[in-house]
Protein backbone atom coordinates (compact mmCIF):
# COMPACT_ATOMS: atom_id res chain seq x y z
CA MET A 1 12.25 -6.82 7.27
CA ALA A 2 12.07 -5.07 3.89
CA GLN A 3 11.87 -7.23 0.80
CA ASP A 4 11.33 -6.39 -2.86
CA ILE A 5 8.54 -8.06 -4.82
CA THR A 6 7.72 -7.92 -8.52
CA ALA A 7 4.53 -6.55 -10.04
CA GLY A 8 3.61 -10.13 -10.91
CA GLU A 9 4.06 -11.26 -7.31
CA LEU A 10 1.88 -8.37 -6.12
CA LYS A 11 -0.82 -9.30 -8.64
CA GLU A 12 -0.76 -12.88 -7.36
CA LYS A 13 -1.17 -11.65 -3.79
CA ILE A 14 -4.09 -9.42 -4.79
CA ASP A 15 -5.74 -12.15 -6.89
CA SER A 16 -5.40 -14.76 -4.13
CA ARG A 17 -6.80 -12.27 -1.58
CA GLU A 18 -3.74 -12.74 0.61
CA ASP A 19 -3.95 -10.79 3.85
CA PHE A 20 -1.79 -7.63 3.64
CA VAL A 21 -2.06 -3.85 3.68
CA LEU A 22 -1.29 -2.15 0.37
CA VAL A 23 0.04 1.41 0.64
CA ASP A 24 0.18 3.70 -2.39
CA VAL A 25 2.52 6.70 -2.08
CA LEU A 26 1.10 8.67 -5.01
CA ASP A 27 0.17 12.30 -4.52
CA GLU A 28 -3.56 12.64 -3.78
CA GLN A 29 -4.37 13.89 -7.30
CA TYR A 30 -2.73 10.90 -8.98
CA TYR A 31 -4.11 8.47 -6.40
CA GLN A 32 -7.65 9.62 -7.25
CA GLN A 33 -6.96 9.06 -10.97
CA SER A 34 -5.23 5.71 -10.74
CA HIS A 35 -4.44 3.46 -7.80
CA LEU A 36 -4.31 -0.23 -7.05
CA PRO A 37 -7.47 -1.86 -5.68
CA ASP A 38 -7.91 -1.44 -1.92
CA ALA A 39 -4.70 0.59 -1.59
CA ILE A 40 -4.40 3.07 1.26
CA ASN A 41 -3.06 6.44 0.16
CA LEU A 42 -0.02 7.68 2.08
CA PRO A 43 1.70 10.37 0.01
CA LEU A 44 5.37 10.83 0.76
CA GLU A 45 4.72 14.27 2.22
CA SER A 46 2.39 12.61 4.77
CA VAL A 47 4.80 9.93 5.93
CA ASP A 48 4.78 11.48 9.42
CA GLU A 49 1.11 10.43 9.65
CA THR A 50 1.86 6.74 9.11
CA GLU A 51 0.88 5.76 12.67
CA ALA A 52 -2.58 7.31 12.25
CA ILE A 53 -3.24 6.09 8.70
CA LEU A 54 -2.20 2.44 8.80
CA PRO A 55 -4.91 0.33 10.43
CA ASP A 56 -2.83 -2.58 11.79
CA LYS A 57 0.78 -1.97 12.73
CA SER A 58 1.53 -5.70 12.85
CA ALA A 59 0.06 -6.51 9.42
CA ARG A 60 2.22 -7.37 6.43
CA THR A 61 2.53 -4.10 4.51
CA ILE A 62 3.38 -3.62 0.85
CA VAL A 63 4.34 -0.15 -0.36
């Protein structure tokens, strides 16, 4: 089920070390320059590779 969260809610989840997978859809160049801590890079043009890139298909995922 998709659900929107705010930047503040995401920060709280990161700060509390809540268990989730964080996916950043920035292009590789921008991801290397600036990404959220522990985020997995999955650029939009690579969305077909989601199955191979995401480590746990049952984990809570935030994009």
